[in-house]
Amino acid sequence: MKKKPSEEKSPVAFWEEFLKVMNLKRRKMENVNCLNKEDWNRMIDFMVYGVIRMEKAFREPLARVKLKL
């Protein structure tokens, strides 16, 4: 489903939201030690969430670049 131009977020608004969400997630990662096996699940959850957000964020911009190539 294609968004109307009025519904699309500006790049600045998108990155502000992205950074706000990542800052919230980063706070949850405090006091985590990669050498402590008990913390690994928290680290994995954090990374999966970040990768999914990045994939969603870059899908449309990369598609537009691909069309221009």
PDB file of N, CA and C in Angstrom:
ATOM      1  N   MET A   1       0.835  -1.177   0.000  1.00  0.00           N
ATOM      2  CA  MET A   1       0.000   0.000   0.000  1.00  0.00           C
ATOM      3  C   MET A   1       0.877   1.236   0.000  1.00  0.00           C
ATOM      4  N   LYS A   2       0.719   2.058  -0.977  1.00  0.00           N
ATOM      5  CA  LYS A   2       1.526   3.267  -1.117  1.00  0.00           C
ATOM      6  C   LYS A   2       0.913   4.389  -0.290  1.00  0.00           C
ATOM      7  N   LYS A   3       1.766   5.091   0.455  1.00  0.00           N
ATOM      8  CA  LYS A   3       1.298   6.206   1.270  1.00  0.00           C
ATOM      9  C   LYS A   3       1.163   7.446   0.403  1.00  0.00           C
ATOM     10  N   LYS A   4       0.212   8.292   0.781  1.00  0.00           N
ATOM     11  CA  LYS A   4       0.080   9.586   0.114  1.00  0.00           C
ATOM     12  C   LYS A   4       1.242  10.464   0.547  1.00  0.00           C
ATOM     13  N   PRO A   5       1.664  11.391  -0.299  1.00  0.00           N
ATOM     14  CA  PRO A   5       2.776  12.273   0.086  1.00  0.00           C
ATOM     15  C   PRO A   5       2.539  12.984   1.409  1.00  0.00           C
ATOM     16  N   SER A   6       1.291  13.335   1.702  1.00  0.00           N
ATOM     17  CA  SER A   6       0.998  14.019   2.960  1.00  0.00           C
ATOM     18  C   SER A   6       1.163  13.096   4.164  1.00  0.00           C
ATOM     19  N   GLU A   7       1.056  11.760   3.948  1.00  0.00           N
ATOM     20  CA  GLU A   7       1.173  10.795   5.036  1.00  0.00           C
ATOM     21  C   GLU A   7       2.617  10.354   5.272  1.00  0.00           C
ATOM     22  N   GLU A   8       3.497  10.567   4.299  1.00  0.00           N
ATOM     23  CA  GLU A   8       4.888  10.132   4.441  1.00  0.00           C
ATOM     24  C   GLU A   8       5.605  11.015   5.454  1.00  0.00           C
ATOM     25  N   LYS A   9       6.451  10.376   6.257  1.00  0.00           N
ATOM     26  CA  LYS A   9       7.250  11.126   7.219  1.00  0.00           C
ATOM     27  C   LYS A   9       8.447  11.718   6.514  1.00  0.00           C
ATOM     28  N   SER A  10       8.831  12.887   6.963  1.00  0.00           N
ATOM     29  CA  SER A  10      10.063  13.457   6.427  1.00  0.00           C
ATOM     30  C   SER A  10      11.226  12.644   6.966  1.00  0.00           C
ATOM     31  N   PRO A  11      12.352  12.640   6.281  1.00  0.00           N
ATOM     32  CA  PRO A  11      13.512  11.898   6.782  1.00  0.00           C
ATOM     33  C   PRO A  11      13.920  12.338   8.190  1.00  0.00           C
ATOM     34  N   VAL A  12      13.817  13.618   8.464  1.00  0.00           N
ATOM     35  CA  VAL A  12      14.196  14.116   9.790  1.00  0.00           C
ATOM     36  C   VAL A  12      13.246  13.561  10.855  1.00  0.00           C
ATOM     37  N   ALA A  13      11.941  13.589  10.574  1.00  0.00           N
ATOM     38  CA  ALA A  13      10.961  13.070  11.535  1.00  0.00           C
ATOM     39  C   ALA A  13      11.170  11.580  11.762  1.00  0.00           C
ATOM     40  N   PHE A  14      11.458  10.859  10.679  1.00  0.00           N
ATOM     41  CA  PHE A  14      11.687   9.422  10.821  1.00  0.00           C
ATOM     42  C   PHE A  14      12.873   9.151  11.745  1.00  0.00           C
ATOM     43  N   TRP A  15      14.002   9.829  11.495  1.00  0.00           N
ATOM     44  CA  TRP A  15      15.198   9.573  12.290  1.00  0.00           C
ATOM     45  C   TRP A  15      15.034  10.025  13.730  1.00  0.00           C
ATOM     46  N   GLU A  16      14.282  11.104  13.965  1.00  0.00           N
ATOM     47  CA  GLU A  16      14.021  11.518  15.341  1.00  0.00           C
ATOM     48  C   GLU A  16      13.251  10.439  16.084  1.00  0.00           C
ATOM     49  N   GLU A  17      12.238   9.870  15.415  1.00  0.00           N
ATOM     50  CA  GLU A  17      11.462   8.795  16.045  1.00  0.00           C
ATOM     51  C   GLU A  17      12.335   7.555  16.261  1.00  0.00           C
ATOM     52  N   PHE A  18      13.119   7.216  15.239  1.00  0.00           N
ATOM     53  CA  PHE A  18      13.992   6.042  15.343  1.00  0.00           C
ATOM     54  C   PHE A  18      14.961   6.180  16.512  1.00  0.00           C
ATOM     55  N   LEU A  19      15.585   7.340  16.635  1.00  0.00           N
ATOM     56  CA  LEU A  19      16.544   7.549  17.724  1.00  0.00           C
ATOM     57  C   LEU A  19      15.864   7.544  19.081  1.00  0.00           C
ATOM     58  N   LYS A  20      14.654   8.068  19.153  1.00  0.00           N
ATOM     59  CA  LYS A  20      13.921   8.057  20.413  1.00  0.00           C
ATOM     60  C   LYS A  20      13.643   6.614  20.850  1.00  0.00           C
ATOM     61  N   VAL A  21      13.194   5.786  19.907  1.00  0.00           N
ATOM     62  CA  VAL A  21      12.910   4.381  20.219  1.00  0.00           C
ATOM     63  C   VAL A  21      14.194   3.652  20.618  1.00  0.00           C
ATOM     64  N   MET A  22      15.273   3.883  19.884  1.00  0.00           N
ATOM     65  CA  MET A  22      16.526   3.200  20.195  1.00  0.00           C
ATOM     66  C   MET A  22      17.082   3.644  21.546  1.00  0.00           C
ATOM     67  N   ASN A  23      16.893   4.915  21.902  1.00  0.00           N
ATOM     68  CA  ASN A  23      17.330   5.372  23.219  1.00  0.00           C
ATOM     69  C   ASN A  23      16.547   4.674  24.318  1.00  0.00           C
ATOM     70  N   LEU A  24      15.253   4.453  24.096  1.00  0.00           N
ATOM     71  CA  LEU A  24      14.455   3.726  25.085  1.00  0.00           C
ATOM     72  C   LEU A  24      14.956   2.293  25.214  1.00  0.00           C
ATOM     73  N   LYS A  25      15.240   1.659  24.085  1.00  0.00           N
ATOM     74  CA  LYS A  25      15.738   0.283  24.125  1.00  0.00           C
ATOM     75  C   LYS A  25      17.132   0.229  24.741  1.00  0.00           C
ATOM     76  N   ARG A  26      17.966   1.234  24.443  1.00  0.00           N
ATOM     77  CA  ARG A  26      19.332   1.238  24.963  1.00  0.00           C
ATOM     78  C   ARG A  26      19.325   1.305  26.481  1.00  0.00           C
ATOM     79  N   ARG A  27      18.383   2.058  27.038  1.00  0.00           N
ATOM     80  CA  ARG A  27      18.296   2.139  28.500  1.00  0.00           C
ATOM     81  C   ARG A  27      18.036   0.778  29.115  1.00  0.00           C
ATOM     82  N   LYS A  28      17.297  -0.044  28.395  1.00  0.00           N
ATOM     83  CA  LYS A  28      17.020  -1.393  28.885  1.00  0.00           C
ATOM     84  C   LYS A  28      18.262  -2.279  28.814  1.00  0.00           C
ATOM     85  N   MET A  29      19.272  -1.863  28.068  1.00  0.00           N
ATOM     86  CA  MET A  29      20.475  -2.661  27.906  1.00  0.00           C
ATOM     87  C   MET A  29      21.562  -2.300  28.917  1.00  0.00           C
ATOM     88  N   GLU A  30      21.291  -1.348  29.789  1.00  0.00           N
ATOM     89  CA  GLU A  30      22.287  -1.002  30.795  1.00  0.00           C
ATOM     90  C   GLU A  30      22.497  -2.190  31.734  1.00  0.00           C
ATOM     91  N   ASN A  31      23.649  -2.269  32.296  1.00  0.00           N
ATOM     92  CA  ASN A  31      24.005  -3.335  33.232  1.00  0.00           C
ATOM     93  C   ASN A  31      23.932  -4.718  32.595  1.00  0.00           C
ATOM     94  N   VAL A  32      24.318  -4.789  31.331  1.00  0.00           N
ATOM     95  CA  VAL A  32      24.363  -6.066  30.619  1.00  0.00           C
ATOM     96  C   VAL A  32      25.819  -6.378  30.324  1.00  0.00           C
ATOM     97  N   ASN A  33      26.191  -7.611  30.548  1.00  0.00           N
ATOM     98  CA  ASN A  33      27.565  -8.040  30.319  1.00  0.00           C
ATOM     99  C   ASN A  33      27.542  -9.148  29.272  1.00  0.00           C
ATOM    100  N   CYS A  34      28.257  -8.954  28.165  1.00  0.00           N
ATOM    101  CA  CYS A  34      28.245  -9.965  27.103  1.00  0.00           C
ATOM    102  C   CYS A  34      28.923 -11.266  27.523  1.00  0.00           C
ATOM    103  N   LEU A  35      29.676 -11.234  28.599  1.00  0.00           N
ATOM    104  CA  LEU A  35      30.319 -12.450  29.083  1.00  0.00           C
ATOM    105  C   LEU A  35      29.433 -13.228  30.050  1.00  0.00           C
ATOM    106  N   ASN A  36      28.321 -12.623  30.453  1.00  0.00           N
ATOM    107  CA  ASN A  36      27.386 -13.272  31.367  1.00  0.00           C
ATOM    108  C   ASN A  36      26.299 -13.960  30.547  1.00  0.00           C
ATOM    109  N   LYS A  37      26.278 -15.274  30.588  1.00  0.00           N
ATOM    110  CA  LYS A  37      25.337 -16.045  29.770  1.00  0.00           C
ATOM    111  C   LYS A  37      23.879 -15.716  30.103  1.00  0.00           C
ATOM    112  N   GLU A  38      23.612 -15.305  31.315  1.00  0.00           N
ATOM    113  CA  GLU A  38      22.237 -14.968  31.714  1.00  0.00           C
ATOM    114  C   GLU A  38      21.728 -13.710  31.003  1.00  0.00           C
ATOM    115  N   ASP A  39      22.617 -12.868  30.519  1.00  0.00           N
ATOM    116  CA  ASP A  39      22.239 -11.637  29.822  1.00  0.00           C
ATOM    117  C   ASP A  39      22.069 -11.840  28.318  1.00  0.00           C
ATOM    118  N   TRP A  40      22.433 -12.979  27.798  1.00  0.00           N
ATOM    119  CA  TRP A  40      22.422 -13.192  26.358  1.00  0.00           C
ATOM    120  C   TRP A  40      21.036 -13.045  25.751  1.00  0.00           C
ATOM    121  N   ASN A  41      19.998 -13.534  26.420  1.00  0.00           N
ATOM    122  CA  ASN A  41      18.646 -13.420  25.867  1.00  0.00           C
ATOM    123  C   ASN A  41      18.234 -11.961  25.723  1.00  0.00           C
ATOM    124  N   ARG A  42      18.591 -11.121  26.687  1.00  0.00           N
ATOM    125  CA  ARG A  42      18.279  -9.691  26.586  1.00  0.00           C
ATOM    126  C   ARG A  42      19.018  -9.068  25.411  1.00  0.00           C
ATOM    127  N   MET A  43      20.261  -9.459  25.216  1.00  0.00           N
ATOM    128  CA  MET A  43      21.040  -8.913  24.106  1.00  0.00           C
ATOM    129  C   MET A  43      20.475  -9.366  22.764  1.00  0.00           C
ATOM    130  N   ILE A  44      20.071 -10.613  22.677  1.00  0.00           N
ATOM    131  CA  ILE A  44      19.496 -11.144  21.437  1.00  0.00           C
ATOM    132  C   ILE A  44      18.191 -10.418  21.119  1.00  0.00           C
ATOM    133  N   ASP A  45      17.335 -10.231  22.122  1.00  0.00           N
ATOM    134  CA  ASP A  45      16.077  -9.517  21.905  1.00  0.00           C
ATOM    135  C   ASP A  45      16.340  -8.103  21.405  1.00  0.00           C
ATOM    136  N   PHE A  46      17.303  -7.437  21.990  1.00  0.00           N
ATOM    137  CA  PHE A  46      17.660  -6.080  21.606  1.00  0.00           C
ATOM    138  C   PHE A  46      18.132  -6.036  20.150  1.00  0.00           C
ATOM    139  N   MET A  47      18.982  -6.968  19.774  1.00  0.00           N
ATOM    140  CA  MET A  47      19.520  -6.991  18.414  1.00  0.00           C
ATOM    141  C   MET A  47      18.445  -7.327  17.391  1.00  0.00           C
ATOM    142  N   VAL A  48      17.586  -8.285  17.697  1.00  0.00           N
ATOM    143  CA  VAL A  48      16.510  -8.654  16.770  1.00  0.00           C
ATOM    144  C   VAL A  48      15.599  -7.454  16.542  1.00  0.00           C
ATOM    145  N   TYR A  49      15.232  -6.775  17.610  1.00  0.00           N
ATOM    146  CA  TYR A  49      14.374  -5.603  17.506  1.00  0.00           C
ATOM    147  C   TYR A  49      15.042  -4.534  16.633  1.00  0.00           C
ATOM    148  N   GLY A  50      16.308  -4.291  16.854  1.00  0.00           N
ATOM    149  CA  GLY A  50      17.032  -3.281  16.083  1.00  0.00           C
ATOM    150  C   GLY A  50      17.136  -3.625  14.611  1.00  0.00           C
ATOM    151  N   VAL A  51      17.401  -4.871  14.304  1.00  0.00           N
ATOM    152  CA  VAL A  51      17.532  -5.302  12.909  1.00  0.00           C
ATOM    153  C   VAL A  51      16.193  -5.182  12.185  1.00  0.00           C
ATOM    154  N   ILE A  52      15.116  -5.561  12.851  1.00  0.00           N
ATOM    155  CA  ILE A  52      13.793  -5.459  12.235  1.00  0.00           C
ATOM    156  C   ILE A  52      13.453  -4.003  11.951  1.00  0.00           C
ATOM    157  N   ARG A  53      13.732  -3.115  12.903  1.00  0.00           N
ATOM    158  CA  ARG A  53      13.465  -1.685  12.710  1.00  0.00           C
ATOM    159  C   ARG A  53      14.303  -1.134  11.554  1.00  0.00           C
ATOM    160  N   MET A  54      15.558  -1.534  11.477  1.00  0.00           N
ATOM    161  CA  MET A  54      16.420  -1.050  10.392  1.00  0.00           C
ATOM    162  C   MET A  54      15.923  -1.542   9.040  1.00  0.00           C
ATOM    163  N   GLU A  55      15.505  -2.797   8.981  1.00  0.00           N
ATOM    164  CA  GLU A  55      15.013  -3.357   7.728  1.00  0.00           C
ATOM    165  C   GLU A  55      13.783  -2.596   7.262  1.00  0.00           C
ATOM    166  N   LYS A  56      12.880  -2.298   8.185  1.00  0.00           N
ATOM    167  CA  LYS A  56      11.679  -1.538   7.838  1.00  0.00           C
ATOM    168  C   LYS A  56      12.040  -0.117   7.419  1.00  0.00           C
ATOM    169  N   ALA A  57      12.999   0.480   8.108  1.00  0.00           N
ATOM    170  CA  ALA A  57      13.376   1.864   7.832  1.00  0.00           C
ATOM    171  C   ALA A  57      14.030   2.018   6.463  1.00  0.00           C
ATOM    172  N   PHE A  58      14.833   1.059   6.068  1.00  0.00           N
ATOM    173  CA  PHE A  58      15.590   1.193   4.827  1.00  0.00           C
ATOM    174  C   PHE A  58      14.915   0.564   3.617  1.00  0.00           C
ATOM    175  N   ARG A  59      13.819  -0.150   3.804  1.00  0.00           N
ATOM    176  CA  ARG A  59      13.164  -0.838   2.689  1.00  0.00           C
ATOM    177  C   ARG A  59      12.769   0.148   1.579  1.00  0.00           C
ATOM    178  N   GLU A  60      11.997   1.163   1.911  1.00  0.00           N
ATOM    179  CA  GLU A  60      11.537   2.112   0.893  1.00  0.00           C
ATOM    180  C   GLU A  60      12.671   2.962   0.308  1.00  0.00           C
ATOM    181  N   PRO A  61      13.548   3.535   1.135  1.00  0.00           N
ATOM    182  CA  PRO A  61      14.642   4.326   0.533  1.00  0.00           C
ATOM    183  C   PRO A  61      15.507   3.499  -0.406  1.00  0.00           C
ATOM    184  N   LEU A  62      15.799   2.269  -0.050  1.00  0.00           N
ATOM    185  CA  LEU A  62      16.624   1.434  -0.919  1.00  0.00           C
ATOM    186  C   LEU A  62      15.884   1.059  -2.200  1.00  0.00           C
ATOM    187  N   ALA A  63      14.579   0.867  -2.110  1.00  0.00           N
ATOM    188  CA  ALA A  63      13.787   0.577  -3.299  1.00  0.00           C
ATOM    189  C   ALA A  63      13.814   1.764  -4.262  1.00  0.00           C
ATOM    190  N   ARG A  64      13.740   2.988  -3.709  1.00  0.00           N
ATOM    191  CA  ARG A  64      13.805   4.180  -4.565  1.00  0.00           C
ATOM    192  C   ARG A  64      15.177   4.302  -5.228  1.00  0.00           C
ATOM    193  N   VAL A  65      16.224   3.999  -4.499  1.00  0.00           N
ATOM    194  CA  VAL A  65      17.573   4.052  -5.073  1.00  0.00           C
ATOM    195  C   VAL A  65      17.700   3.019  -6.182  1.00  0.00           C
ATOM    196  N   LYS A  66      17.160   1.822  -5.930  1.00  0.00           N
ATOM    197  CA  LYS A  66      17.241   0.756  -6.918  1.00  0.00           C
ATOM    198  C   LYS A  66      16.551   1.153  -8.219  1.00  0.00           C
ATOM    199  N   LEU A  67      15.427   1.866  -8.102  1.00  0.00           N
ATOM    200  CA  LEU A  67      14.698   2.307  -9.311  1.00  0.00           C
ATOM    201  C   LEU A  67      15.531   3.284 -10.137  1.00  0.00           C
ATOM    202  N   LYS A  68      16.361   4.070  -9.468  1.00  0.00           N
ATOM    203  CA  LYS A  68      17.167   5.077 -10.164  1.00  0.00           C
ATOM    204  C   LYS A  68      18.407   4.458 -10.821  1.00  0.00           C
ATOM    205  N   LEU A  69      18.810   3.282 -10.376  1.00  0.00           N
ATOM    206  CA  LEU A  69      20.016   2.646 -10.929  1.00  0.00           C
ATOM    207  C   LEU A  69      19.757   1.988 -12.261  1.00  0.00           C
TER     208      LEU A  69
END
